[in-house]
Amino acid sequence: MAANLQDLLAPGAPELVSDLLATLLTQVLRTVFERGKFPTPAEIRALKAAFARLLN
């Protein structure tokens, strides 16, 4: 998954970025399978907000 993500990222993006995104996507998929449904738009907004706070 991380190797495929590298193609979607900006050229020269650090490997750490693709590794973190792969981990995040893996966890999202695990949650989808456990809950049997995709995250709601509100959950996605909350996740994005949490990452924005973390990265600022």
PDB file of N, CA and C in Angstrom:
ATOM      1  N   MET A   1       0.829  -1.180   0.000  1.00  0.00           N
ATOM      2  CA  MET A   1       0.000   0.000   0.000  1.00  0.00           C
ATOM      3  C   MET A   1       0.878   1.250   0.000  1.00  0.00           C
ATOM      4  N   ALA A   2       1.923   1.252   0.818  1.00  0.00           N
ATOM      5  CA  ALA A   2       2.789   2.429   0.908  1.00  0.00           C
ATOM      6  C   ALA A   2       3.440   2.735  -0.436  1.00  0.00           C
ATOM      7  N   ALA A   3       3.847   1.699  -1.166  1.00  0.00           N
ATOM      8  CA  ALA A   3       4.477   1.915  -2.466  1.00  0.00           C
ATOM      9  C   ALA A   3       3.492   2.539  -3.447  1.00  0.00           C
ATOM     10  N   ASN A   4       2.249   2.110  -3.422  1.00  0.00           N
ATOM     11  CA  ASN A   4       1.249   2.680  -4.309  1.00  0.00           C
ATOM     12  C   ASN A   4       0.920   4.112  -3.928  1.00  0.00           C
ATOM     13  N   LEU A   5       0.946   4.419  -2.652  1.00  0.00           N
ATOM     14  CA  LEU A   5       0.673   5.783  -2.206  1.00  0.00           C
ATOM     15  C   LEU A   5       1.734   6.750  -2.711  1.00  0.00           C
ATOM     16  N   GLN A   6       2.944   6.285  -2.825  1.00  0.00           N
ATOM     17  CA  GLN A   6       4.036   7.157  -3.265  1.00  0.00           C
ATOM     18  C   GLN A   6       3.704   7.770  -4.618  1.00  0.00           C
ATOM     19  N   ASP A   7       3.012   7.034  -5.486  1.00  0.00           N
ATOM     20  CA  ASP A   7       2.634   7.553  -6.798  1.00  0.00           C
ATOM     21  C   ASP A   7       1.600   8.674  -6.688  1.00  0.00           C
ATOM     22  N   LEU A   8       0.812   8.684  -5.628  1.00  0.00           N
ATOM     23  CA  LEU A   8      -0.232   9.689  -5.454  1.00  0.00           C
ATOM     24  C   LEU A   8       0.267  10.955  -4.770  1.00  0.00           C
ATOM     25  N   LEU A   9       1.401  10.860  -4.109  1.00  0.00           N
ATOM     26  CA  LEU A   9       1.939  11.995  -3.359  1.00  0.00           C
ATOM     27  C   LEU A   9       2.750  12.909  -4.267  1.00  0.00           C
ATOM     28  N   ALA A  10       3.059  14.071  -3.747  1.00  0.00           N
ATOM     29  CA  ALA A  10       3.895  15.010  -4.490  1.00  0.00           C
ATOM     30  C   ALA A  10       5.258  14.367  -4.744  1.00  0.00           C
ATOM     31  N   PRO A  11       5.849  14.664  -5.887  1.00  0.00           N
ATOM     32  CA  PRO A  11       7.182  14.115  -6.180  1.00  0.00           C
ATOM     33  C   PRO A  11       8.169  14.467  -5.071  1.00  0.00           C
ATOM     34  N   GLY A  12       8.928  13.475  -4.660  1.00  0.00           N
ATOM     35  CA  GLY A  12       9.931  13.688  -3.633  1.00  0.00           C
ATOM     36  C   GLY A  12       9.399  13.676  -2.212  1.00  0.00           C
ATOM     37  N   ALA A  13       8.129  13.287  -2.032  1.00  0.00           N
ATOM     38  CA  ALA A  13       7.576  13.229  -0.677  1.00  0.00           C
ATOM     39  C   ALA A  13       8.364  12.199   0.136  1.00  0.00           C
ATOM     40  N   PRO A  14       8.629  12.510   1.392  1.00  0.00           N
ATOM     41  CA  PRO A  14       9.397  11.580   2.224  1.00  0.00           C
ATOM     42  C   PRO A  14       8.675  10.238   2.378  1.00  0.00           C
ATOM     43  N   GLU A  15       9.461   9.194   2.508  1.00  0.00           N
ATOM     44  CA  GLU A  15       8.897   7.859   2.694  1.00  0.00           C
ATOM     45  C   GLU A  15       8.042   7.798   3.954  1.00  0.00           C
ATOM     46  N   LEU A  16       8.401   8.580   4.948  1.00  0.00           N
ATOM     47  CA  LEU A  16       7.630   8.623   6.190  1.00  0.00           C
ATOM     48  C   LEU A  16       6.177   9.005   5.917  1.00  0.00           C
ATOM     49  N   VAL A  17       5.965   9.924   4.985  1.00  0.00           N
ATOM     50  CA  VAL A  17       4.601  10.366   4.660  1.00  0.00           C
ATOM     51  C   VAL A  17       3.789   9.201   4.102  1.00  0.00           C
ATOM     52  N   SER A  18       4.346   8.476   3.155  1.00  0.00           N
ATOM     53  CA  SER A  18       3.603   7.343   2.580  1.00  0.00           C
ATOM     54  C   SER A  18       3.404   6.250   3.613  1.00  0.00           C
ATOM     55  N   ASP A  19       4.375   6.039   4.497  1.00  0.00           N
ATOM     56  CA  ASP A  19       4.212   5.040   5.560  1.00  0.00           C
ATOM     57  C   ASP A  19       3.078   5.419   6.512  1.00  0.00           C
ATOM     58  N   LEU A  20       3.039   6.698   6.908  1.00  0.00           N
ATOM     59  CA  LEU A  20       1.977   7.148   7.808  1.00  0.00           C
ATOM     60  C   LEU A  20       0.606   7.050   7.146  1.00  0.00           C
ATOM     61  N   LEU A  21       0.518   7.437   5.878  1.00  0.00           N
ATOM     62  CA  LEU A  21      -0.759   7.347   5.169  1.00  0.00           C
ATOM     63  C   LEU A  21      -1.204   5.897   5.009  1.00  0.00           C
ATOM     64  N   ALA A  22      -0.264   5.004   4.738  1.00  0.00           N
ATOM     65  CA  ALA A  22      -0.605   3.590   4.623  1.00  0.00           C
ATOM     66  C   ALA A  22      -1.147   3.054   5.942  1.00  0.00           C
ATOM     67  N   THR A  23      -0.525   3.460   7.041  1.00  0.00           N
ATOM     68  CA  THR A  23      -0.995   3.040   8.358  1.00  0.00           C
ATOM     69  C   THR A  23      -2.394   3.575   8.625  1.00  0.00           C
ATOM     70  N   LEU A  24      -2.612   4.844   8.312  1.00  0.00           N
ATOM     71  CA  LEU A  24      -3.928   5.447   8.507  1.00  0.00           C
ATOM     72  C   LEU A  24      -4.988   4.733   7.677  1.00  0.00           C
ATOM     73  N   LEU A  25      -4.694   4.502   6.410  1.00  0.00           N
ATOM     74  CA  LEU A  25      -5.669   3.830   5.547  1.00  0.00           C
ATOM     75  C   LEU A  25      -5.942   2.397   6.005  1.00  0.00           C
ATOM     76  N   THR A  26      -4.914   1.717   6.467  1.00  0.00           N
ATOM     77  CA  THR A  26      -5.103   0.365   6.989  1.00  0.00           C
ATOM     78  C   THR A  26      -6.033   0.377   8.194  1.00  0.00           C
ATOM     79  N   GLN A  27      -5.835   1.344   9.083  1.00  0.00           N
ATOM     80  CA  GLN A  27      -6.693   1.450  10.266  1.00  0.00           C
ATOM     81  C   GLN A  27      -8.124   1.807   9.879  1.00  0.00           C
ATOM     82  N   VAL A  28      -8.290   2.684   8.914  1.00  0.00           N
ATOM     83  CA  VAL A  28      -9.639   3.030   8.450  1.00  0.00           C
ATOM     84  C   VAL A  28     -10.328   1.792   7.880  1.00  0.00           C
ATOM     85  N   LEU A  29      -9.619   1.031   7.079  1.00  0.00           N
ATOM     86  CA  LEU A  29     -10.207  -0.200   6.525  1.00  0.00           C
ATOM     87  C   LEU A  29     -10.563  -1.190   7.625  1.00  0.00           C
ATOM     88  N   ARG A  30      -9.702  -1.331   8.618  1.00  0.00           N
ATOM     89  CA  ARG A  30      -9.987  -2.230   9.736  1.00  0.00           C
ATOM     90  C   ARG A  30     -11.270  -1.788  10.437  1.00  0.00           C
ATOM     91  N   THR A  31     -11.386  -0.494  10.667  1.00  0.00           N
ATOM     92  CA  THR A  31     -12.579   0.045  11.326  1.00  0.00           C
ATOM     93  C   THR A  31     -13.821  -0.194  10.476  1.00  0.00           C
ATOM     94  N   VAL A  32     -13.708  -0.003   9.176  1.00  0.00           N
ATOM     95  CA  VAL A  32     -14.844  -0.245   8.270  1.00  0.00           C
ATOM     96  C   VAL A  32     -15.287  -1.695   8.373  1.00  0.00           C
ATOM     97  N   PHE A  33     -14.349  -2.615   8.353  1.00  0.00           N
ATOM     98  CA  PHE A  33     -14.710  -4.039   8.435  1.00  0.00           C
ATOM     99  C   PHE A  33     -15.324  -4.388   9.787  1.00  0.00           C
ATOM    100  N   GLU A  34     -14.789  -3.811  10.854  1.00  0.00           N
ATOM    101  CA  GLU A  34     -15.320  -4.105  12.189  1.00  0.00           C
ATOM    102  C   GLU A  34     -16.718  -3.521  12.380  1.00  0.00           C
ATOM    103  N   ARG A  35     -16.932  -2.306  11.901  1.00  0.00           N
ATOM    104  CA  ARG A  35     -18.225  -1.642  12.077  1.00  0.00           C
ATOM    105  C   ARG A  35     -19.230  -2.003  10.997  1.00  0.00           C
ATOM    106  N   GLY A  36     -18.725  -2.438   9.860  1.00  0.00           N
ATOM    107  CA  GLY A  36     -19.608  -2.772   8.758  1.00  0.00           C
ATOM    108  C   GLY A  36     -20.135  -1.561   8.018  1.00  0.00           C
ATOM    109  N   LYS A  37     -19.483  -0.400   8.218  1.00  0.00           N
ATOM    110  CA  LYS A  37     -19.889   0.802   7.491  1.00  0.00           C
ATOM    111  C   LYS A  37     -18.705   1.764   7.411  1.00  0.00           C
ATOM    112  N   PHE A  38     -18.794   2.661   6.436  1.00  0.00           N
ATOM    113  CA  PHE A  38     -17.744   3.645   6.233  1.00  0.00           C
ATOM    114  C   PHE A  38     -17.905   4.792   7.225  1.00  0.00           C
ATOM    115  N   PRO A  39     -16.816   5.522   7.481  1.00  0.00           N
ATOM    116  CA  PRO A  39     -16.921   6.680   8.366  1.00  0.00           C
ATOM    117  C   PRO A  39     -17.919   7.695   7.804  1.00  0.00           C
ATOM    118  N   THR A  40     -18.598   8.360   8.691  1.00  0.00           N
ATOM    119  CA  THR A  40     -19.541   9.392   8.281  1.00  0.00           C
ATOM    120  C   THR A  40     -18.761  10.650   7.888  1.00  0.00           C
ATOM    121  N   PRO A  41     -19.405  11.543   7.154  1.00  0.00           N
ATOM    122  CA  PRO A  41     -18.728  12.814   6.838  1.00  0.00           C
ATOM    123  C   PRO A  41     -18.277  13.556   8.100  1.00  0.00           C
ATOM    124  N   ALA A  42     -19.073  13.509   9.166  1.00  0.00           N
ATOM    125  CA  ALA A  42     -18.681  14.167  10.418  1.00  0.00           C
ATOM    126  C   ALA A  42     -17.431  13.520  11.007  1.00  0.00           C
ATOM    127  N   GLU A  43     -17.332  12.199  10.946  1.00  0.00           N
ATOM    128  CA  GLU A  43     -16.140  11.509  11.463  1.00  0.00           C
ATOM    129  C   GLU A  43     -14.909  11.872  10.633  1.00  0.00           C
ATOM    130  N   ILE A  44     -15.082  11.979   9.339  1.00  0.00           N
ATOM    131  CA  ILE A  44     -13.963  12.341   8.464  1.00  0.00           C
ATOM    132  C   ILE A  44     -13.515  13.772   8.753  1.00  0.00           C
ATOM    133  N   ARG A  45     -14.469  14.684   8.941  1.00  0.00           N
ATOM    134  CA  ARG A  45     -14.122  16.060   9.281  1.00  0.00           C
ATOM    135  C   ARG A  45     -13.367  16.118  10.613  1.00  0.00           C
ATOM    136  N   ALA A  46     -13.819  15.345  11.590  1.00  0.00           N
ATOM    137  CA  ALA A  46     -13.150  15.317  12.892  1.00  0.00           C
ATOM    138  C   ALA A  46     -11.731  14.769  12.760  1.00  0.00           C
ATOM    139  N   LEU A  47     -11.553  13.752  11.952  1.00  0.00           N
ATOM    140  CA  LEU A  47     -10.223  13.183  11.724  1.00  0.00           C
ATOM    141  C   LEU A  47      -9.310  14.206  11.064  1.00  0.00           C
ATOM    142  N   LYS A  48      -9.816  14.887  10.038  1.00  0.00           N
ATOM    143  CA  LYS A  48      -9.022  15.909   9.369  1.00  0.00           C
ATOM    144  C   LYS A  48      -8.647  17.043  10.324  1.00  0.00           C
ATOM    145  N   ALA A  49      -9.584  17.454  11.156  1.00  0.00           N
ATOM    146  CA  ALA A  49      -9.317  18.523  12.122  1.00  0.00           C
ATOM    147  C   ALA A  49      -8.264  18.092  13.138  1.00  0.00           C
ATOM    148  N   ALA A  50      -8.347  16.849  13.578  1.00  0.00           N
ATOM    149  CA  ALA A  50      -7.381  16.340  14.550  1.00  0.00           C
ATOM    150  C   ALA A  50      -5.969  16.317  13.938  1.00  0.00           C
ATOM    151  N   PHE A  51      -5.868  15.891  12.682  1.00  0.00           N
ATOM    152  CA  PHE A  51      -4.562  15.866  12.022  1.00  0.00           C
ATOM    153  C   PHE A  51      -4.050  17.286  11.796  1.00  0.00           C
ATOM    154  N   ALA A  52      -4.926  18.194  11.466  1.00  0.00           N
ATOM    155  CA  ALA A  52      -4.497  19.581  11.258  1.00  0.00           C
ATOM    156  C   ALA A  52      -3.926  20.157  12.550  1.00  0.00           C
ATOM    157  N   ARG A  53      -4.589  19.886  13.683  1.00  0.00           N
ATOM    158  CA  ARG A  53      -4.082  20.358  14.976  1.00  0.00           C
ATOM    159  C   ARG A  53      -2.755  19.699  15.305  1.00  0.00           C
ATOM    160  N   LEU A  54      -2.646  18.428  15.033  1.00  0.00           N
ATOM    161  CA  LEU A  54      -1.426  17.686  15.332  1.00  0.00           C
ATOM    162  C   LEU A  54      -0.240  18.185  14.504  1.00  0.00           C
ATOM    163  N   LEU A  55      -0.494  18.518  13.270  1.00  0.00           N
ATOM    164  CA  LEU A  55       0.593  18.882  12.359  1.00  0.00           C
ATOM    165  C   LEU A  55       0.945  20.360  12.392  1.00  0.00           C
ATOM    166  N   ASN A  56       0.152  21.145  13.047  1.00  0.00           N
ATOM    167  CA  ASN A  56       0.448  22.598  13.134  1.00  0.00           C
ATOM    168  C   ASN A  56       1.266  22.918  14.326  1.00  0.00           C
TER     169      ASN A  56
END
